Amino acid sequence: MNVSKTLKYQINLLSIYLIVLLTLALSASVQAAGNSGKRIVEKNCAACHQTGVAGAPKTGVKADWDERLKQGDDTLNKHAIEGFKGMPPKGGNRALTTKQVKDAVAYMHQTVVGSASKKTSRKKAAVASKPVVKKSAPKKTVSKPKVATVNTFNRLMIPKNKRNPPPMRDGIHDPKNSGTKILQHPSQAFNGIAKSRSGNYIDWVKALNNGNINPRYKLLDENAKPLILDLNIIREVKGSMPNVDYPHKQHTQWLDCSNCHPAIFIPKKGGNQISMAAILLGRKCGVCHGKVSFPVSDCRRCHSRKKNAKIIKKTSSK
């Protein structure tokens, strides 16, 4: 009888021990996933999701996520993995695994739930500590029109069926200029020109090299020859994304140095603070990219140089 009781006691003790171990393991797994998601967000998603640029929902801001969370985790994960509207697939880093992307989504979800519960508890505590005061009728306020924070030409924000409108309505050409009226519609002008996979879907560099277009280097001198600078500038970036490879050649084939320097870029090492947020707001590279050149949704067009790659420099002119 004593042996039976002892055996039962040991079995019960072992069961409790196993339950505790499983609970700790599950807790550690959840915590590890959260930490992993946080690191992924900081390295790959922070440029947009910490600043809220281009309408990206900010981490920890419940109002930005309320409607999105109603769609369910499956939809949010699908959008993050495949890309959605202005967000490129996997946040622009295709090297991320599906699990890593889901961890990042779960982490951002957790920051919203956590911040919301903390705010609610603080609000309840504040209400309990303050005496009840009769509120007066709120004053009517006239809402001011919102100022656009994203450049309105950015093709990253434009649905496919609304891209490449006629010159009179594209927001780039002056509709009051009589010369705008005689310009071809893009659907006609782009026939037979090399295609790309983003922006207005024209590969302008290939079109130039193939002789499809012949841009005038100087507006008032049709015989002026461009000074082509075959120099690649490698800009090191933090995180897991490859470094940025900026080719001068493709730009100087039809632009003069004064188009960019020094108004947009200071020609000095370390003299320019460039971020994805600034580009999406139409600054730095965003002065052209997203308006008249390919948008930043095609991440690998710029982030194409592996870490620690050699830099090759040479100049030529024609």
C-alpha atoms as a PDB file:
ATOM      1  CA  MET A   1       0.000   0.000   0.000  1.00  0.00           C
ATOM      2  CA  ASN A   2       2.802   2.374   0.910  1.00  0.00           C
ATOM      3  CA  VAL A   3       4.592   1.417  -2.297  1.00  0.00           C
ATOM      4  CA  SER A   4       1.462   2.266  -4.323  1.00  0.00           C
ATOM      5  CA  LYS A   5       1.111   5.673  -2.680  1.00  0.00           C
ATOM      6  CA  THR A   6       4.779   6.407  -3.256  1.00  0.00           C
ATOM      7  CA  LEU A   7       4.475   5.426  -6.922  1.00  0.00           C
ATOM      8  CA  LYS A   8       1.421   7.657  -7.409  1.00  0.00           C
ATOM      9  CA  TYR A   9       3.226  10.529  -5.720  1.00  0.00           C
ATOM     10  CA  GLN A  10       6.224  10.108  -8.010  1.00  0.00           C
ATOM     11  CA  ILE A  11       4.003   9.938 -11.109  1.00  0.00           C
ATOM     12  CA  ASN A  12       2.164  13.114 -10.081  1.00  0.00           C
ATOM     13  CA  LEU A  13       5.444  14.862  -9.359  1.00  0.00           C
ATOM     14  CA  LEU A  14       6.824  13.802 -12.741  1.00  0.00           C
ATOM     15  CA  SER A  15       3.677  15.077 -14.497  1.00  0.00           C
ATOM     16  CA  ILE A  16       3.984  18.462 -12.811  1.00  0.00           C
ATOM     17  CA  TYR A  17       7.659  18.593 -13.742  1.00  0.00           C
ATOM     18  CA  LEU A  18       6.882  17.855 -17.419  1.00  0.00           C
ATOM     19  CA  ILE A  19       4.143  20.504 -17.507  1.00  0.00           C
ATOM     20  CA  VAL A  20       6.553  23.091 -16.092  1.00  0.00           C
ATOM     21  CA  LEU A  21       9.205  22.140 -18.656  1.00  0.00           C
ATOM     22  CA  LEU A  22       6.734  22.404 -21.546  1.00  0.00           C
ATOM     23  CA  THR A  23       5.508  25.786 -20.299  1.00  0.00           C
ATOM     24  CA  LEU A  24       9.053  27.118 -20.028  1.00  0.00           C
ATOM     25  CA  ALA A  25       9.942  25.770 -23.473  1.00  0.00           C
ATOM     26  CA  LEU A  26       6.861  27.373 -25.033  1.00  0.00           C
ATOM     27  CA  SER A  27       7.592  30.672 -23.301  1.00  0.00           C
ATOM     28  CA  ALA A  28      11.199  30.597 -24.501  1.00  0.00           C
ATOM     29  CA  SER A  29      10.050  29.807 -28.032  1.00  0.00           C
ATOM     30  CA  VAL A  30       7.622  32.743 -28.071  1.00  0.00           C
ATOM     31  CA  GLN A  31      10.260  35.065 -26.618  1.00  0.00           C
ATOM     32  CA  ALA A  32      12.839  33.913 -29.177  1.00  0.00           C
ATOM     33  CA  ALA A  33      10.389  34.518 -32.018  1.00  0.00           C
ATOM     34  CA  GLY A  34       9.674  37.977 -30.625  1.00  0.00           C
ATOM     35  CA  ASN A  35      13.379  38.809 -30.380  1.00  0.00           C
ATOM     36  CA  SER A  36      13.963  37.465 -33.896  1.00  0.00           C
ATOM     37  CA  GLY A  37      11.073  39.534 -35.243  1.00  0.00           C
ATOM     38  CA  LYS A  38      12.386  42.653 -33.531  1.00  0.00           C
ATOM     39  CA  ARG A  39      15.833  42.251 -35.088  1.00  0.00           C
ATOM     40  CA  ILE A  40      14.329  41.719 -38.544  1.00  0.00           C
ATOM     41  CA  VAL A  41      12.117  44.797 -38.210  1.00  0.00           C
ATOM     42  CA  GLU A  42      15.034  46.950 -37.037  1.00  0.00           C
ATOM     43  CA  LYS A  43      17.251  45.848 -39.937  1.00  0.00           C
ATOM     44  CA  ASN A  44      14.745  45.693 -42.793  1.00  0.00           C
ATOM     45  CA  CYS A  45      11.497  47.486 -41.941  1.00  0.00           C
ATOM     46  CA  ALA A  46      12.393  50.427 -39.701  1.00  0.00           C
ATOM     47  CA  ALA A  47      12.984  52.920 -42.533  1.00  0.00           C
ATOM     48  CA  CYS A  48       9.252  52.958 -43.291  1.00  0.00           C
ATOM     49  CA  HIS A  49       7.513  51.425 -40.265  1.00  0.00           C
ATOM     50  CA  GLN A  50       9.223  53.612 -37.661  1.00  0.00           C
ATOM     51  CA  THR A  51       8.727  56.849 -39.587  1.00  0.00           C
ATOM     52  CA  GLY A  52       5.329  56.138 -41.147  1.00  0.00           C
ATOM     53  CA  VAL A  53       6.589  57.366 -44.494  1.00  0.00           C
ATOM     54  CA  ALA A  54       4.461  56.662 -47.569  1.00  0.00           C
ATOM     55  CA  GLY A  55       1.538  55.630 -45.365  1.00  0.00           C
ATOM     56  CA  ALA A  56       3.326  52.681 -43.739  1.00  0.00           C
ATOM     57  CA  PRO A  57       1.717  51.732 -40.381  1.00  0.00           C
ATOM     58  CA  LYS A  58       4.075  52.676 -37.545  1.00  0.00           C
ATOM     59  CA  THR A  59       5.140  50.095 -34.991  1.00  0.00           C
ATOM     60  CA  GLY A  60       3.441  50.631 -31.645  1.00  0.00           C
ATOM     61  CA  VAL A  61       0.760  52.984 -33.030  1.00  0.00           C
ATOM     62  CA  LYS A  62      -2.580  51.223 -32.577  1.00  0.00           C
ATOM     63  CA  ALA A  63      -4.571  53.596 -34.802  1.00  0.00           C
ATOM     64  CA  ASP A  64      -2.366  52.685 -37.769  1.00  0.00           C
ATOM     65  CA  TRP A  65      -3.061  48.975 -37.311  1.00  0.00           C
ATOM     66  CA  ASP A  66      -6.727  48.764 -36.255  1.00  0.00           C
ATOM     67  CA  GLU A  67      -8.160  48.232 -39.750  1.00  0.00           C
ATOM     68  CA  ARG A  68      -5.239  46.096 -40.875  1.00  0.00           C
ATOM     69  CA  LEU A  69      -5.473  43.713 -37.921  1.00  0.00           C
ATOM     70  CA  LYS A  70      -9.138  43.080 -38.756  1.00  0.00           C
ATOM     71  CA  GLN A  71      -7.950  41.407 -41.968  1.00  0.00           C
ATOM     72  CA  GLY A  72      -6.329  38.629 -39.946  1.00  0.00           C
ATOM     73  CA  ASP A  73      -2.785  37.314 -39.648  1.00  0.00           C
ATOM     74  CA  ASP A  74      -2.982  35.251 -42.848  1.00  0.00           C
ATOM     75  CA  THR A  75      -3.706  38.339 -44.961  1.00  0.00           C
ATOM     76  CA  LEU A  76      -1.049  40.460 -43.234  1.00  0.00           C
ATOM     77  CA  ASN A  77       1.550  37.724 -43.687  1.00  0.00           C
ATOM     78  CA  LYS A  78       0.571  37.338 -47.355  1.00  0.00           C
ATOM     79  CA  HIS A  79       0.964  41.084 -47.965  1.00  0.00           C
ATOM     80  CA  ALA A  80       4.341  41.130 -46.208  1.00  0.00           C
ATOM     81  CA  ILE A  81       5.649  38.120 -48.147  1.00  0.00           C
ATOM     82  CA  GLU A  82       4.284  38.970 -51.615  1.00  0.00           C
ATOM     83  CA  GLY A  83       4.271  42.767 -51.358  1.00  0.00           C
ATOM     84  CA  PHE A  84       1.271  45.081 -51.217  1.00  0.00           C
ATOM     85  CA  LYS A  85       0.734  48.545 -52.728  1.00  0.00           C
ATOM     86  CA  GLY A  86       3.886  50.539 -51.877  1.00  0.00           C
ATOM     87  CA  MET A  87       5.575  47.776 -49.875  1.00  0.00           C
ATOM     88  CA  PRO A  88       7.942  45.513 -51.840  1.00  0.00           C
ATOM     89  CA  PRO A  89       7.943  41.728 -51.208  1.00  0.00           C
ATOM     90  CA  LYS A  90       9.597  40.807 -47.903  1.00  0.00           C
ATOM     91  CA  GLY A  91      10.268  44.468 -47.197  1.00  0.00           C
ATOM     92  CA  GLY A  92      12.698  44.578 -50.101  1.00  0.00           C
ATOM     93  CA  ASN A  93      14.949  41.809 -48.748  1.00  0.00           C
ATOM     94  CA  ARG A  94      14.136  38.657 -50.707  1.00  0.00           C
ATOM     95  CA  ALA A  95      16.779  36.752 -48.724  1.00  0.00           C
ATOM     96  CA  LEU A  96      14.409  36.623 -45.741  1.00  0.00           C
ATOM     97  CA  THR A  97      12.621  33.326 -45.182  1.00  0.00           C
ATOM     98  CA  THR A  98       8.851  33.071 -44.884  1.00  0.00           C
ATOM     99  CA  LYS A  99       9.216  32.357 -41.167  1.00  0.00           C
ATOM    100  CA  GLN A 100      11.380  35.447 -40.643  1.00  0.00           C
ATOM    101  CA  VAL A 101       8.802  37.649 -42.361  1.00  0.00           C
ATOM    102  CA  LYS A 102       6.029  36.157 -40.225  1.00  0.00           C
ATOM    103  CA  ASP A 103       8.142  36.765 -37.094  1.00  0.00           C
ATOM    104  CA  ALA A 104       8.507  40.411 -38.114  1.00  0.00           C
ATOM    105  CA  VAL A 105       4.740  40.765 -38.621  1.00  0.00           C
ATOM    106  CA  ALA A 106       4.097  39.067 -35.276  1.00  0.00           C
ATOM    107  CA  TYR A 107       6.510  41.452 -33.546  1.00  0.00           C
ATOM    108  CA  MET A 108       4.814  44.551 -35.005  1.00  0.00           C
ATOM    109  CA  HIS A 109       1.442  43.092 -34.001  1.00  0.00           C
ATOM    110  CA  GLN A 110       2.794  42.547 -30.481  1.00  0.00           C
ATOM    111  CA  THR A 111       4.012  46.161 -30.189  1.00  0.00           C
ATOM    112  CA  VAL A 112       0.502  47.376 -30.973  1.00  0.00           C
ATOM    113  CA  VAL A 113      -1.239  45.048 -28.510  1.00  0.00           C
ATOM    114  CA  GLY A 114       1.340  45.795 -25.806  1.00  0.00           C
ATOM    115  CA  SER A 115       1.208  49.567 -26.229  1.00  0.00           C
ATOM    116  CA  ALA A 116      -2.592  49.534 -26.331  1.00  0.00           C
ATOM    117  CA  SER A 117      -2.894  47.572 -23.068  1.00  0.00           C
ATOM    118  CA  LYS A 118      -0.377  49.837 -21.302  1.00  0.00           C
ATOM    119  CA  LYS A 119      -2.190  52.974 -22.451  1.00  0.00           C
ATOM    120  CA  THR A 120      -5.522  51.541 -21.306  1.00  0.00           C
ATOM    121  CA  SER A 121      -4.180  50.687 -17.839  1.00  0.00           C
ATOM    122  CA  ARG A 122      -2.584  54.135 -17.477  1.00  0.00           C
ATOM    123  CA  LYS A 123      -5.810  55.787 -18.586  1.00  0.00           C
ATOM    124  CA  LYS A 124      -7.866  53.815 -16.043  1.00  0.00           C
ATOM    125  CA  ALA A 125      -5.425  54.701 -13.262  1.00  0.00           C
ATOM    126  CA  ALA A 126      -5.565  58.382 -14.193  1.00  0.00           C
ATOM    127  CA  VAL A 127      -9.374  58.382 -14.239  1.00  0.00           C
ATOM    128  CA  ALA A 128      -9.517  56.682 -10.833  1.00  0.00           C
ATOM    129  CA  SER A 129      -7.160  59.219  -9.250  1.00  0.00           C
ATOM    130  CA  LYS A 130      -8.841  62.359 -10.628  1.00  0.00           C
ATOM    131  CA  PRO A 131     -12.103  63.817  -9.287  1.00  0.00           C
ATOM    132  CA  VAL A 132     -15.085  63.784 -11.626  1.00  0.00           C
ATOM    133  CA  VAL A 133     -15.447  67.174 -13.310  1.00  0.00           C
ATOM    134  CA  LYS A 134     -18.365  68.147 -15.488  1.00  0.00           C
ATOM    135  CA  LYS A 135     -17.085  68.750 -18.983  1.00  0.00           C
ATOM    136  CA  SER A 136     -18.150  71.754 -21.005  1.00  0.00           C
ATOM    137  CA  ALA A 137     -19.288  71.388 -24.588  1.00  0.00           C
ATOM    138  CA  PRO A 138     -16.296  70.989 -26.909  1.00  0.00           C
ATOM    139  CA  LYS A 139     -15.428  73.939 -29.090  1.00  0.00           C
ATOM    140  CA  LYS A 140     -15.932  73.555 -32.792  1.00  0.00           C
ATOM    141  CA  THR A 141     -12.677  73.552 -34.685  1.00  0.00           C
ATOM    142  CA  VAL A 142     -12.175  74.082 -38.372  1.00  0.00           C
ATOM    143  CA  SER A 143     -10.041  71.298 -39.770  1.00  0.00           C
ATOM    144  CA  LYS A 144      -7.121  72.430 -41.883  1.00  0.00           C
ATOM    145  CA  PRO A 145      -6.397  70.706 -45.186  1.00  0.00           C
ATOM    146  CA  LYS A 146      -3.724  68.056 -44.866  1.00  0.00           C
ATOM    147  CA  VAL A 147      -0.399  68.763 -46.518  1.00  0.00           C
ATOM    148  CA  ALA A 148       0.868  65.927 -48.705  1.00  0.00           C
ATOM    149  CA  THR A 149       4.003  64.382 -47.225  1.00  0.00           C
ATOM    150  CA  VAL A 150       4.739  62.067 -50.161  1.00  0.00           C
ATOM    151  CA  ASN A 151       5.575  63.427 -53.592  1.00  0.00           C
ATOM    152  CA  THR A 152       2.430  63.161 -55.678  1.00  0.00           C
ATOM    153  CA  PHE A 153       4.271  61.889 -58.750  1.00  0.00           C
ATOM    154  CA  ASN A 154       5.675  58.810 -57.031  1.00  0.00           C
ATOM    155  CA  ARG A 155       4.773  55.898 -59.292  1.00  0.00           C
ATOM    156  CA  LEU A 156       5.201  53.609 -56.303  1.00  0.00           C
ATOM    157  CA  MET A 157       1.877  54.958 -55.025  1.00  0.00           C
ATOM    158  CA  ILE A 158      -0.013  54.859 -58.338  1.00  0.00           C
ATOM    159  CA  PRO A 159      -2.114  51.827 -59.405  1.00  0.00           C
ATOM    160  CA  LYS A 160      -1.051  50.168 -62.656  1.00  0.00           C
ATOM    161  CA  ASN A 161      -4.187  51.235 -64.523  1.00  0.00           C
ATOM    162  CA  LYS A 162      -3.437  54.906 -63.778  1.00  0.00           C
ATOM    163  CA  ARG A 163       0.224  54.954 -64.773  1.00  0.00           C
ATOM    164  CA  ASN A 164       1.547  56.809 -67.814  1.00  0.00           C
ATOM    165  CA  PRO A 165      -1.370  59.242 -68.285  1.00  0.00           C
ATOM    166  CA  PRO A 166      -1.317  61.716 -71.212  1.00  0.00           C
ATOM    167  CA  PRO A 167       1.148  64.622 -70.836  1.00  0.00           C
ATOM    168  CA  MET A 168      -1.634  67.117 -70.130  1.00  0.00           C
ATOM    169  CA  ARG A 169      -2.590  65.182 -66.991  1.00  0.00           C
ATOM    170  CA  ASP A 170       0.636  63.527 -65.808  1.00  0.00           C
ATOM    171  CA  GLY A 171       1.571  66.214 -63.258  1.00  0.00           C
ATOM    172  CA  ILE A 172       5.037  66.533 -64.796  1.00  0.00           C
ATOM    173  CA  HIS A 173       4.454  68.580 -67.962  1.00  0.00           C
ATOM    174  CA  ASP A 174       2.980  72.077 -67.864  1.00  0.00           C
ATOM    175  CA  PRO A 175      -0.620  71.845 -69.177  1.00  0.00           C
ATOM    176  CA  LYS A 176      -0.564  75.589 -69.965  1.00  0.00           C
ATOM    177  CA  ASN A 177       2.365  75.162 -72.332  1.00  0.00           C
ATOM    178  CA  SER A 178       1.158  74.829 -75.926  1.00  0.00           C
ATOM    179  CA  GLY A 179       3.996  72.398 -76.632  1.00  0.00           C
ATOM    180  CA  THR A 180       2.551  69.890 -74.153  1.00  0.00           C
ATOM    181  CA  LYS A 181      -0.517  69.424 -76.350  1.00  0.00           C
ATOM    182  CA  ILE A 182       1.489  68.057 -79.275  1.00  0.00           C
ATOM    183  CA  LEU A 183       3.353  65.433 -77.240  1.00  0.00           C
ATOM    184  CA  GLN A 184       2.503  61.803 -77.919  1.00  0.00           C
ATOM    185  CA  HIS A 185       0.522  59.706 -75.489  1.00  0.00           C
ATOM    186  CA  PRO A 186       2.892  57.315 -73.659  1.00  0.00           C
ATOM    187  CA  SER A 187       1.082  54.292 -75.112  1.00  0.00           C
ATOM    188  CA  GLN A 188       2.250  55.470 -78.564  1.00  0.00           C
ATOM    189  CA  ALA A 189       5.633  56.907 -77.609  1.00  0.00           C
ATOM    190  CA  PHE A 190       6.720  53.778 -75.728  1.00  0.00           C
ATOM    191  CA  ASN A 191       6.032  51.322 -78.566  1.00  0.00           C
ATOM    192  CA  GLY A 192       9.115  49.303 -79.489  1.00  0.00           C
ATOM    193  CA  ILE A 193      11.153  50.542 -76.520  1.00  0.00           C
ATOM    194  CA  ALA A 194      12.845  48.108 -74.112  1.00  0.00           C
ATOM    195  CA  LYS A 195      10.630  47.293 -71.142  1.00  0.00           C
ATOM    196  CA  SER A 196      11.446  47.103 -67.433  1.00  0.00           C
ATOM    197  CA  ARG A 197       9.570  45.592 -64.490  1.00  0.00           C
ATOM    198  CA  SER A 198       8.719  48.730 -62.522  1.00  0.00           C
ATOM    199  CA  GLY A 199       7.823  52.418 -62.728  1.00  0.00           C
ATOM    200  CA  ASN A 200       6.536  53.276 -66.187  1.00  0.00           C
ATOM    201  CA  TYR A 201       7.881  49.891 -67.344  1.00  0.00           C
ATOM    202  CA  ILE A 202      10.466  51.390 -69.710  1.00  0.00           C
ATOM    203  CA  ASP A 203      14.168  50.538 -69.422  1.00  0.00           C
ATOM    204  CA  TRP A 204      15.534  53.965 -70.328  1.00  0.00           C
ATOM    205  CA  VAL A 205      19.198  52.952 -70.097  1.00  0.00           C
ATOM    206  CA  LYS A 206      18.688  50.069 -72.524  1.00  0.00           C
ATOM    207  CA  ALA A 207      16.581  52.313 -74.760  1.00  0.00           C
ATOM    208  CA  LEU A 208      19.470  54.802 -74.878  1.00  0.00           C
ATOM    209  CA  ASN A 209      22.077  52.122 -75.588  1.00  0.00           C
ATOM    210  CA  ASN A 210      19.858  50.573 -78.301  1.00  0.00           C
ATOM    211  CA  GLY A 211      19.432  53.925 -80.037  1.00  0.00           C
ATOM    212  CA  ASN A 212      15.665  54.053 -79.406  1.00  0.00           C
ATOM    213  CA  ILE A 213      16.055  57.543 -77.956  1.00  0.00           C
ATOM    214  CA  ASN A 214      18.589  60.318 -78.533  1.00  0.00           C
ATOM    215  CA  PRO A 215      18.311  62.885 -75.731  1.00  0.00           C
ATOM    216  CA  ARG A 216      19.760  66.332 -76.272  1.00  0.00           C
ATOM    217  CA  TYR A 217      22.589  66.937 -73.826  1.00  0.00           C
ATOM    218  CA  LYS A 218      22.085  70.717 -73.790  1.00  0.00           C
ATOM    219  CA  LEU A 219      18.771  72.363 -74.499  1.00  0.00           C
ATOM    220  CA  LEU A 220      20.112  75.175 -76.705  1.00  0.00           C
ATOM    221  CA  ASP A 221      22.966  73.279 -78.361  1.00  0.00           C
ATOM    222  CA  GLU A 222      21.889  70.178 -80.257  1.00  0.00           C
ATOM    223  CA  ASN A 223      25.501  69.359 -81.204  1.00  0.00           C
ATOM    224  CA  ALA A 224      26.814  69.348 -77.630  1.00  0.00           C
ATOM    225  CA  LYS A 225      28.450  66.069 -76.617  1.00  0.00           C
ATOM    226  CA  PRO A 226      28.069  64.646 -73.107  1.00  0.00           C
ATOM    227  CA  LEU A 227      30.980  64.164 -70.742  1.00  0.00           C
ATOM    228  CA  ILE A 228      30.431  60.589 -69.609  1.00  0.00           C
ATOM    229  CA  LEU A 229      31.829  59.711 -66.208  1.00  0.00           C
ATOM    230  CA  ASP A 230      32.193  55.939 -65.808  1.00  0.00           C
ATOM    231  CA  LEU A 231      32.501  55.928 -62.028  1.00  0.00           C
ATOM    232  CA  ASN A 232      30.552  53.772 -59.590  1.00  0.00           C
ATOM    233  CA  ILE A 233      30.030  55.077 -56.067  1.00  0.00           C
ATOM    234  CA  ILE A 234      29.424  52.365 -53.474  1.00  0.00           C
ATOM    235  CA  ARG A 235      27.393  53.507 -50.489  1.00  0.00           C
ATOM    236  CA  GLU A 236      27.587  51.188 -47.501  1.00  0.00           C
ATOM    237  CA  VAL A 237      24.301  50.486 -45.745  1.00  0.00           C
ATOM    238  CA  LYS A 238      23.520  48.964 -42.367  1.00  0.00           C
ATOM    239  CA  GLY A 239      21.613  45.733 -41.899  1.00  0.00           C
ATOM    240  CA  SER A 240      21.335  42.773 -44.225  1.00  0.00           C
ATOM    241  CA  MET A 241      20.602  44.682 -47.448  1.00  0.00           C
ATOM    242  CA  PRO A 242      23.403  44.801 -50.051  1.00  0.00           C
ATOM    243  CA  ASN A 243      25.266  48.075 -50.480  1.00  0.00           C
ATOM    244  CA  VAL A 244      24.047  50.694 -52.949  1.00  0.00           C
ATOM    245  CA  ASP A 245      25.883  50.788 -56.278  1.00  0.00           C
ATOM    246  CA  TYR A 246      25.440  54.227 -57.862  1.00  0.00           C
ATOM    247  CA  PRO A 247      26.584  54.306 -61.519  1.00  0.00           C
ATOM    248  CA  HIS A 248      27.536  57.750 -62.834  1.00  0.00           C
ATOM    249  CA  LYS A 249      27.675  56.492 -66.423  1.00  0.00           C
ATOM    250  CA  GLN A 250      23.932  55.964 -66.887  1.00  0.00           C
ATOM    251  CA  HIS A 251      23.240  59.387 -65.394  1.00  0.00           C
ATOM    252  CA  THR A 252      25.901  61.412 -67.230  1.00  0.00           C
ATOM    253  CA  GLN A 253      24.858  59.974 -70.601  1.00  0.00           C
ATOM    254  CA  TRP A 254      22.087  62.555 -70.624  1.00  0.00           C
ATOM    255  CA  LEU A 255      22.534  64.751 -67.566  1.00  0.00           C
ATOM    256  CA  ASP A 256      25.102  67.415 -66.773  1.00  0.00           C
ATOM    257  CA  CYS A 257      26.895  67.294 -63.409  1.00  0.00           C
ATOM    258  CA  SER A 258      25.160  70.541 -62.427  1.00  0.00           C
ATOM    259  CA  ASN A 259      21.778  68.784 -62.537  1.00  0.00           C
ATOM    260  CA  CYS A 260      22.647  67.057 -59.257  1.00  0.00           C
ATOM    261  CA  HIS A 261      25.652  68.881 -57.787  1.00  0.00           C
ATOM    262  CA  PRO A 262      25.691  70.675 -55.444  1.00  0.00           C
ATOM    263  CA  ALA A 263      21.960  71.444 -55.039  1.00  0.00           C
ATOM    264  CA  ILE A 264      20.834  67.827 -54.500  1.00  0.00           C
ATOM    265  CA  PHE A 265      24.082  66.063 -53.618  1.00  0.00           C
ATOM    266  CA  ILE A 266      27.186  67.669 -52.124  1.00  0.00           C
ATOM    267  CA  PRO A 267      30.170  66.256 -54.079  1.00  0.00           C
ATOM    268  CA  LYS A 268      32.074  65.295 -50.951  1.00  0.00           C
ATOM    269  CA  LYS A 269      32.506  61.994 -49.139  1.00  0.00           C
ATOM    270  CA  GLY A 270      30.245  61.912 -46.085  1.00  0.00           C
ATOM    271  CA  GLY A 271      28.536  65.138 -47.107  1.00  0.00           C
ATOM    272  CA  ASN A 272      25.097  63.625 -47.768  1.00  0.00           C
ATOM    273  CA  GLN A 273      22.615  62.070 -45.369  1.00  0.00           C
ATOM    274  CA  ILE A 274      20.512  59.735 -47.524  1.00  0.00           C
ATOM    275  CA  SER A 275      17.664  57.606 -46.195  1.00  0.00           C
ATOM    276  CA  MET A 276      14.746  55.691 -47.671  1.00  0.00           C
ATOM    277  CA  ALA A 277      12.389  58.037 -45.843  1.00  0.00           C
ATOM    278  CA  ALA A 278      13.937  61.067 -47.574  1.00  0.00           C
ATOM    279  CA  ILE A 279      13.805  59.371 -50.981  1.00  0.00           C
ATOM    280  CA  LEU A 280      10.132  58.444 -50.565  1.00  0.00           C
ATOM    281  CA  LEU A 281       9.409  62.059 -49.641  1.00  0.00           C
ATOM    282  CA  GLY A 282      10.874  63.193 -52.958  1.00  0.00           C
ATOM    283  CA  ARG A 283      14.306  64.260 -51.736  1.00  0.00           C
ATOM    284  CA  LYS A 284      17.814  63.191 -52.769  1.00  0.00           C
ATOM    285  CA  CYS A 285      17.373  60.280 -55.246  1.00  0.00           C
ATOM    286  CA  GLY A 286      13.606  60.798 -54.943  1.00  0.00           C
ATOM    287  CA  VAL A 287      13.851  64.067 -56.885  1.00  0.00           C
ATOM    288  CA  CYS A 288      13.806  61.892 -60.023  1.00  0.00           C
ATOM    289  CA  HIS A 289      13.192  58.308 -58.930  1.00  0.00           C
ATOM    290  CA  GLY A 290       9.485  57.773 -58.557  1.00  0.00           C
ATOM    291  CA  LYS A 291       8.728  60.737 -60.833  1.00  0.00           C
ATOM    292  CA  VAL A 292      10.548  60.348 -64.145  1.00  0.00           C
ATOM    293  CA  SER A 293      12.730  57.352 -63.325  1.00  0.00           C
ATOM    294  CA  PHE A 294      12.063  53.931 -61.820  1.00  0.00           C
ATOM    295  CA  PRO A 295      10.645  53.917 -58.262  1.00  0.00           C
ATOM    296  CA  VAL A 296      12.257  52.440 -55.177  1.00  0.00           C
ATOM    297  CA  SER A 297       9.917  49.436 -55.151  1.00  0.00           C
ATOM    298  CA  ASP A 298      12.519  47.564 -57.208  1.00  0.00           C
ATOM    299  CA  CYS A 299      15.048  47.428 -54.360  1.00  0.00           C
ATOM    300  CA  ARG A 300      17.778  45.448 -56.111  1.00  0.00           C
ATOM    301  CA  ARG A 301      18.168  48.003 -58.878  1.00  0.00           C
ATOM    302  CA  CYS A 302      20.177  50.083 -56.386  1.00  0.00           C
ATOM    303  CA  HIS A 303      21.021  47.626 -53.603  1.00  0.00           C
ATOM    304  CA  SER A 304      23.046  45.442 -55.947  1.00  0.00           C
ATOM    305  CA  ARG A 305      26.581  45.419 -54.543  1.00  0.00           C
ATOM    306  CA  LYS A 306      27.550  42.674 -52.103  1.00  0.00           C
ATOM    307  CA  LYS A 307      29.249  43.672 -48.876  1.00  0.00           C
ATOM    308  CA  ASN A 308      33.040  44.184 -49.140  1.00  0.00           C
ATOM    309  CA  ALA A 309      32.942  44.122 -52.967  1.00  0.00           C
ATOM    310  CA  LYS A 310      35.793  45.807 -54.833  1.00  0.00           C
ATOM    311  CA  ILE A 311      35.191  49.264 -56.305  1.00  0.00           C
ATOM    312  CA  ILE A 312      36.281  49.813 -59.920  1.00  0.00           C
ATOM    313  CA  LYS A 313      36.859  53.391 -61.036  1.00  0.00           C
ATOM    314  CA  LYS A 314      37.516  54.762 -64.512  1.00  0.00           C
ATOM    315  CA  THR A 315      36.491  57.804 -66.534  1.00  0.00           C
ATOM    316  CA  SER A 316      35.801  58.314 -70.205  1.00  0.00           C
ATOM    317  CA  SER A 317      34.242  60.921 -72.457  1.00  0.00           C
ATOM    318  CA  LYS A 318      32.845  61.147 -75.923  1.00  0.00           C
END
